[in-house]
Amino acid sequence: MTLEAPPVPAPAEELPPAPPSRALELTVRSAGVVISVLAAVLTALLELFLSPLRVGGVPIGVAVPAVVLANLAISWFAVTTVGRRWALAPPWAVWTLIMFFAAGTRTTEGDYLISGNDWVALVTILVGSLTFAVYTYKLILRRPPVTKQ
């Protein structure tokens, strides 16, 4: 007397996961643009506060590496969440406009936020905008992925 094993049903073919809805995709992309623009505003203001930082009367230039790291992170985030290269333009434009506005605005005491003899602030503006430009250039040179249909 042998016992037969109960029949095992054949594994059903797994269906591929359903693509996300169009509304969810649009929401994530819109949120990516908004968050990257807000991050650009926040980092621009932080870099403006870091540019006059001195130790013993000597400018230490901590704003320059901060602007490179922050703008690279903002660029990556914008392009990754939105999935398009154009997503880099809004945070770049907002960051640049804030820096130009800060360079030409006087405080109530008559001081400029960024003076012409503050090399750290001027290098921060140059390097910050170049960071966005180099990231964009690398995106342009990268070939889009090939998809088989």
C-alpha atoms as a PDB file:
ATOM      1  CA  MET A   1       0.000   0.000   0.000  1.00  0.00           C
ATOM      2  CA  THR A   2       1.544   3.205  -1.141  1.00  0.00           C
ATOM      3  CA  LEU A   3       0.238   6.648  -0.573  1.00  0.00           C
ATOM      4  CA  GLU A   4       0.196   8.992  -3.429  1.00  0.00           C
ATOM      5  CA  ALA A   5       1.158  12.574  -2.904  1.00  0.00           C
ATOM      6  CA  PRO A   6      -1.621  15.031  -3.442  1.00  0.00           C
ATOM      7  CA  PRO A   7      -1.435  16.666  -6.820  1.00  0.00           C
ATOM      8  CA  VAL A   8       0.462  19.944  -6.791  1.00  0.00           C
ATOM      9  CA  PRO A   9      -1.187  22.585  -8.884  1.00  0.00           C
ATOM     10  CA  ALA A  10       1.013  23.990 -11.609  1.00  0.00           C
ATOM     11  CA  PRO A  11       2.378  27.394 -10.662  1.00  0.00           C
ATOM     12  CA  ALA A  12       0.312  30.057 -12.252  1.00  0.00           C
ATOM     13  CA  GLU A  13       2.211  32.398 -14.459  1.00  0.00           C
ATOM     14  CA  GLU A  14       2.941  35.535 -12.552  1.00  0.00           C
ATOM     15  CA  LEU A  15       1.593  38.613 -14.142  1.00  0.00           C
ATOM     16  CA  PRO A  16       3.924  41.566 -14.418  1.00  0.00           C
ATOM     17  CA  PRO A  17       3.140  44.336 -11.979  1.00  0.00           C
ATOM     18  CA  ALA A  18       0.760  46.924 -13.258  1.00  0.00           C
ATOM     19  CA  PRO A  19       2.388  50.187 -14.283  1.00  0.00           C
ATOM     20  CA  PRO A  20       1.753  53.099 -11.941  1.00  0.00           C
ATOM     21  CA  SER A  21      -1.208  55.224 -12.728  1.00  0.00           C
ATOM     22  CA  ARG A  22      -0.747  58.367 -14.768  1.00  0.00           C
ATOM     23  CA  ALA A  23      -1.938  60.551 -11.885  1.00  0.00           C
ATOM     24  CA  LEU A  24       0.600  59.051  -9.478  1.00  0.00           C
ATOM     25  CA  GLU A  25       3.395  59.504 -11.988  1.00  0.00           C
ATOM     26  CA  LEU A  26       2.423  63.142 -12.581  1.00  0.00           C
ATOM     27  CA  THR A  27       2.251  63.763  -8.826  1.00  0.00           C
ATOM     28  CA  VAL A  28       5.730  62.338  -8.247  1.00  0.00           C
ATOM     29  CA  ARG A  29       7.185  64.351 -11.124  1.00  0.00           C
ATOM     30  CA  SER A  30       5.551  67.575  -9.942  1.00  0.00           C
ATOM     31  CA  ALA A  31       6.715  66.969  -6.392  1.00  0.00           C
ATOM     32  CA  GLY A  32      10.241  66.352  -7.694  1.00  0.00           C
ATOM     33  CA  VAL A  33      10.317  69.746  -9.406  1.00  0.00           C
ATOM     34  CA  VAL A  34       8.859  71.550  -6.394  1.00  0.00           C
ATOM     35  CA  ILE A  35      11.227  69.886  -3.924  1.00  0.00           C
ATOM     36  CA  SER A  36      14.266  70.554  -6.108  1.00  0.00           C
ATOM     37  CA  VAL A  37      13.328  74.241  -6.425  1.00  0.00           C
ATOM     38  CA  LEU A  38      12.821  74.516  -2.661  1.00  0.00           C
ATOM     39  CA  ALA A  39      16.175  72.822  -2.109  1.00  0.00           C
ATOM     40  CA  ALA A  40      17.790  75.309  -4.488  1.00  0.00           C
ATOM     41  CA  VAL A  41      16.320  78.207  -2.495  1.00  0.00           C
ATOM     42  CA  LEU A  42      17.446  76.710   0.801  1.00  0.00           C
ATOM     43  CA  THR A  43      20.982  75.970  -0.353  1.00  0.00           C
ATOM     44  CA  ALA A  44      21.355  79.362  -2.027  1.00  0.00           C
ATOM     45  CA  LEU A  45      20.488  81.088   1.233  1.00  0.00           C
ATOM     46  CA  LEU A  46      22.799  78.780   3.189  1.00  0.00           C
ATOM     47  CA  GLU A  47      25.652  79.499   0.792  1.00  0.00           C
ATOM     48  CA  LEU A  48      25.053  83.236   1.127  1.00  0.00           C
ATOM     49  CA  PHE A  49      25.415  82.896   4.889  1.00  0.00           C
ATOM     50  CA  LEU A  50      28.529  80.712   4.563  1.00  0.00           C
ATOM     51  CA  SER A  51      30.381  82.933   2.093  1.00  0.00           C
ATOM     52  CA  PRO A  52      31.553  85.593   4.611  1.00  0.00           C
ATOM     53  CA  LEU A  53      32.618  82.965   7.164  1.00  0.00           C
ATOM     54  CA  ARG A  54      36.103  83.695   8.487  1.00  0.00           C
ATOM     55  CA  VAL A  55      38.502  82.131  10.962  1.00  0.00           C
ATOM     56  CA  GLY A  56      40.919  84.582  12.499  1.00  0.00           C
ATOM     57  CA  GLY A  57      40.018  87.210   9.913  1.00  0.00           C
ATOM     58  CA  VAL A  58      40.847  84.893   6.989  1.00  0.00           C
ATOM     59  CA  PRO A  59      38.033  83.712   4.704  1.00  0.00           C
ATOM     60  CA  ILE A  60      37.889  79.933   4.762  1.00  0.00           C
ATOM     61  CA  GLY A  61      35.802  79.405   1.612  1.00  0.00           C
ATOM     62  CA  VAL A  62      33.587  76.643   2.966  1.00  0.00           C
ATOM     63  CA  ALA A  63      30.780  77.869   0.699  1.00  0.00           C
ATOM     64  CA  VAL A  64      32.601  76.714  -2.433  1.00  0.00           C
ATOM     65  CA  PRO A  65      32.678  72.949  -1.709  1.00  0.00           C
ATOM     66  CA  ALA A  66      29.216  73.256  -0.166  1.00  0.00           C
ATOM     67  CA  VAL A  67      27.812  74.720  -3.381  1.00  0.00           C
ATOM     68  CA  VAL A  68      29.354  71.951  -5.491  1.00  0.00           C
ATOM     69  CA  LEU A  69      27.940  69.159  -3.323  1.00  0.00           C
ATOM     70  CA  ALA A  70      24.534  70.789  -2.904  1.00  0.00           C
ATOM     71  CA  ASN A  71      24.040  71.626  -6.579  1.00  0.00           C
ATOM     72  CA  LEU A  72      25.155  68.155  -7.677  1.00  0.00           C
ATOM     73  CA  ALA A  73      22.665  66.619  -5.259  1.00  0.00           C
ATOM     74  CA  ILE A  74      19.868  68.930  -6.422  1.00  0.00           C
ATOM     75  CA  SER A  75      20.670  68.179 -10.075  1.00  0.00           C
ATOM     76  CA  TRP A  76      20.661  64.429  -9.498  1.00  0.00           C
ATOM     77  CA  PHE A  77      17.429  64.584  -7.507  1.00  0.00           C
ATOM     78  CA  ALA A  78      15.600  66.706 -10.072  1.00  0.00           C
ATOM     79  CA  VAL A  79      16.552  64.540 -13.045  1.00  0.00           C
ATOM     80  CA  THR A  80      15.983  61.266 -11.192  1.00  0.00           C
ATOM     81  CA  THR A  81      12.544  62.081  -9.788  1.00  0.00           C
ATOM     82  CA  VAL A  82      11.184  63.748 -12.908  1.00  0.00           C
ATOM     83  CA  GLY A  83      12.898  61.456 -15.388  1.00  0.00           C
ATOM     84  CA  ARG A  84      13.568  64.240 -17.881  1.00  0.00           C
ATOM     85  CA  ARG A  85      16.563  66.453 -18.490  1.00  0.00           C
ATOM     86  CA  TRP A  86      14.506  69.645 -18.476  1.00  0.00           C
ATOM     87  CA  ALA A  87      13.899  69.151 -14.739  1.00  0.00           C
ATOM     88  CA  LEU A  88      17.326  70.617 -14.111  1.00  0.00           C
ATOM     89  CA  ALA A  89      16.324  74.043 -15.464  1.00  0.00           C
ATOM     90  CA  PRO A  90      13.948  75.282 -12.721  1.00  0.00           C
ATOM     91  CA  PRO A  91      16.321  74.787  -9.745  1.00  0.00           C
ATOM     92  CA  TRP A  92      19.236  76.151 -11.786  1.00  0.00           C
ATOM     93  CA  ALA A  93      17.280  79.271 -12.749  1.00  0.00           C
ATOM     94  CA  VAL A  94      16.003  79.876  -9.213  1.00  0.00           C
ATOM     95  CA  TRP A  95      19.462  79.403  -7.683  1.00  0.00           C
ATOM     96  CA  THR A  96      21.070  81.758 -10.209  1.00  0.00           C
ATOM     97  CA  LEU A  97      18.378  84.419  -9.778  1.00  0.00           C
ATOM     98  CA  ILE A  98      18.781  84.349  -6.001  1.00  0.00           C
ATOM     99  CA  MET A  99      22.545  84.767  -6.335  1.00  0.00           C
ATOM    100  CA  PHE A 100      22.202  87.641  -8.819  1.00  0.00           C
ATOM    101  CA  PHE A 101      19.589  89.289  -6.618  1.00  0.00           C
ATOM    102  CA  ALA A 102      21.877  88.943  -3.594  1.00  0.00           C
ATOM    103  CA  ALA A 103      24.796  90.430  -5.513  1.00  0.00           C
ATOM    104  CA  GLY A 104      22.860  93.573  -6.371  1.00  0.00           C
ATOM    105  CA  THR A 105      20.855  94.143  -3.207  1.00  0.00           C
ATOM    106  CA  ARG A 106      21.831  96.480  -0.387  1.00  0.00           C
ATOM    107  CA  THR A 107      20.864  95.959   3.214  1.00  0.00           C
ATOM    108  CA  THR A 108      19.230  98.742   5.243  1.00  0.00           C
ATOM    109  CA  GLU A 109      22.708  99.761   6.394  1.00  0.00           C
ATOM    110  CA  GLY A 110      23.842 100.161   2.781  1.00  0.00           C
ATOM    111  CA  ASP A 111      25.959  96.995   2.588  1.00  0.00           C
ATOM    112  CA  TYR A 112      25.757  94.542  -0.291  1.00  0.00           C
ATOM    113  CA  LEU A 113      24.880  90.931   0.519  1.00  0.00           C
ATOM    114  CA  ILE A 114      27.680  89.906  -1.844  1.00  0.00           C
ATOM    115  CA  SER A 115      30.341  92.533  -2.236  1.00  0.00           C
ATOM    116  CA  GLY A 116      32.680  92.838  -5.182  1.00  0.00           C
ATOM    117  CA  ASN A 117      35.760  92.237  -3.038  1.00  0.00           C
ATOM    118  CA  ASP A 118      34.498  88.989  -1.443  1.00  0.00           C
ATOM    119  CA  TRP A 119      36.274  86.364  -3.507  1.00  0.00           C
ATOM    120  CA  VAL A 120      34.509  83.478  -1.752  1.00  0.00           C
ATOM    121  CA  ALA A 121      31.062  84.751  -2.741  1.00  0.00           C
ATOM    122  CA  LEU A 122      32.091  85.447  -6.322  1.00  0.00           C
ATOM    123  CA  VAL A 123      33.709  82.019  -6.693  1.00  0.00           C
ATOM    124  CA  THR A 124      30.608  80.463  -5.106  1.00  0.00           C
ATOM    125  CA  ILE A 125      28.389  82.044  -7.774  1.00  0.00           C
ATOM    126  CA  LEU A 126      30.715  80.933 -10.562  1.00  0.00           C
ATOM    127  CA  VAL A 127      31.263  77.388  -9.323  1.00  0.00           C
ATOM    128  CA  GLY A 128      27.605  76.911  -8.390  1.00  0.00           C
ATOM    129  CA  SER A 129      26.371  77.805 -11.832  1.00  0.00           C
ATOM    130  CA  LEU A 130      29.142  75.783 -13.470  1.00  0.00           C
ATOM    131  CA  THR A 131      28.116  72.751 -11.416  1.00  0.00           C
ATOM    132  CA  PHE A 132      24.632  72.881 -12.922  1.00  0.00           C
ATOM    133  CA  ALA A 133      26.130  73.467 -16.387  1.00  0.00           C
ATOM    134  CA  VAL A 134      28.556  70.535 -16.180  1.00  0.00           C
ATOM    135  CA  TYR A 135      25.819  68.215 -14.941  1.00  0.00           C
ATOM    136  CA  THR A 136      23.620  69.291 -17.851  1.00  0.00           C
ATOM    137  CA  TYR A 137      26.468  68.792 -20.300  1.00  0.00           C
ATOM    138  CA  LYS A 138      27.071  65.269 -19.005  1.00  0.00           C
ATOM    139  CA  LEU A 139      23.359  64.510 -19.410  1.00  0.00           C
ATOM    140  CA  ILE A 140      23.451  65.726 -22.997  1.00  0.00           C
ATOM    141  CA  LEU A 141      26.458  63.539 -23.809  1.00  0.00           C
ATOM    142  CA  ARG A 142      24.933  60.428 -22.246  1.00  0.00           C
ATOM    143  CA  ARG A 143      23.022  58.336 -24.746  1.00  0.00           C
ATOM    144  CA  PRO A 144      19.473  57.369 -23.883  1.00  0.00           C
ATOM    145  CA  PRO A 145      19.002  53.703 -22.991  1.00  0.00           C
ATOM    146  CA  VAL A 146      18.049  51.384 -25.837  1.00  0.00           C
ATOM    147  CA  THR A 147      14.747  49.624 -25.294  1.00  0.00           C
ATOM    148  CA  LYS A 148      13.646  46.588 -27.261  1.00  0.00           C
ATOM    149  CA  GLN A 149      10.051  46.453 -28.319  1.00  0.00           C
END
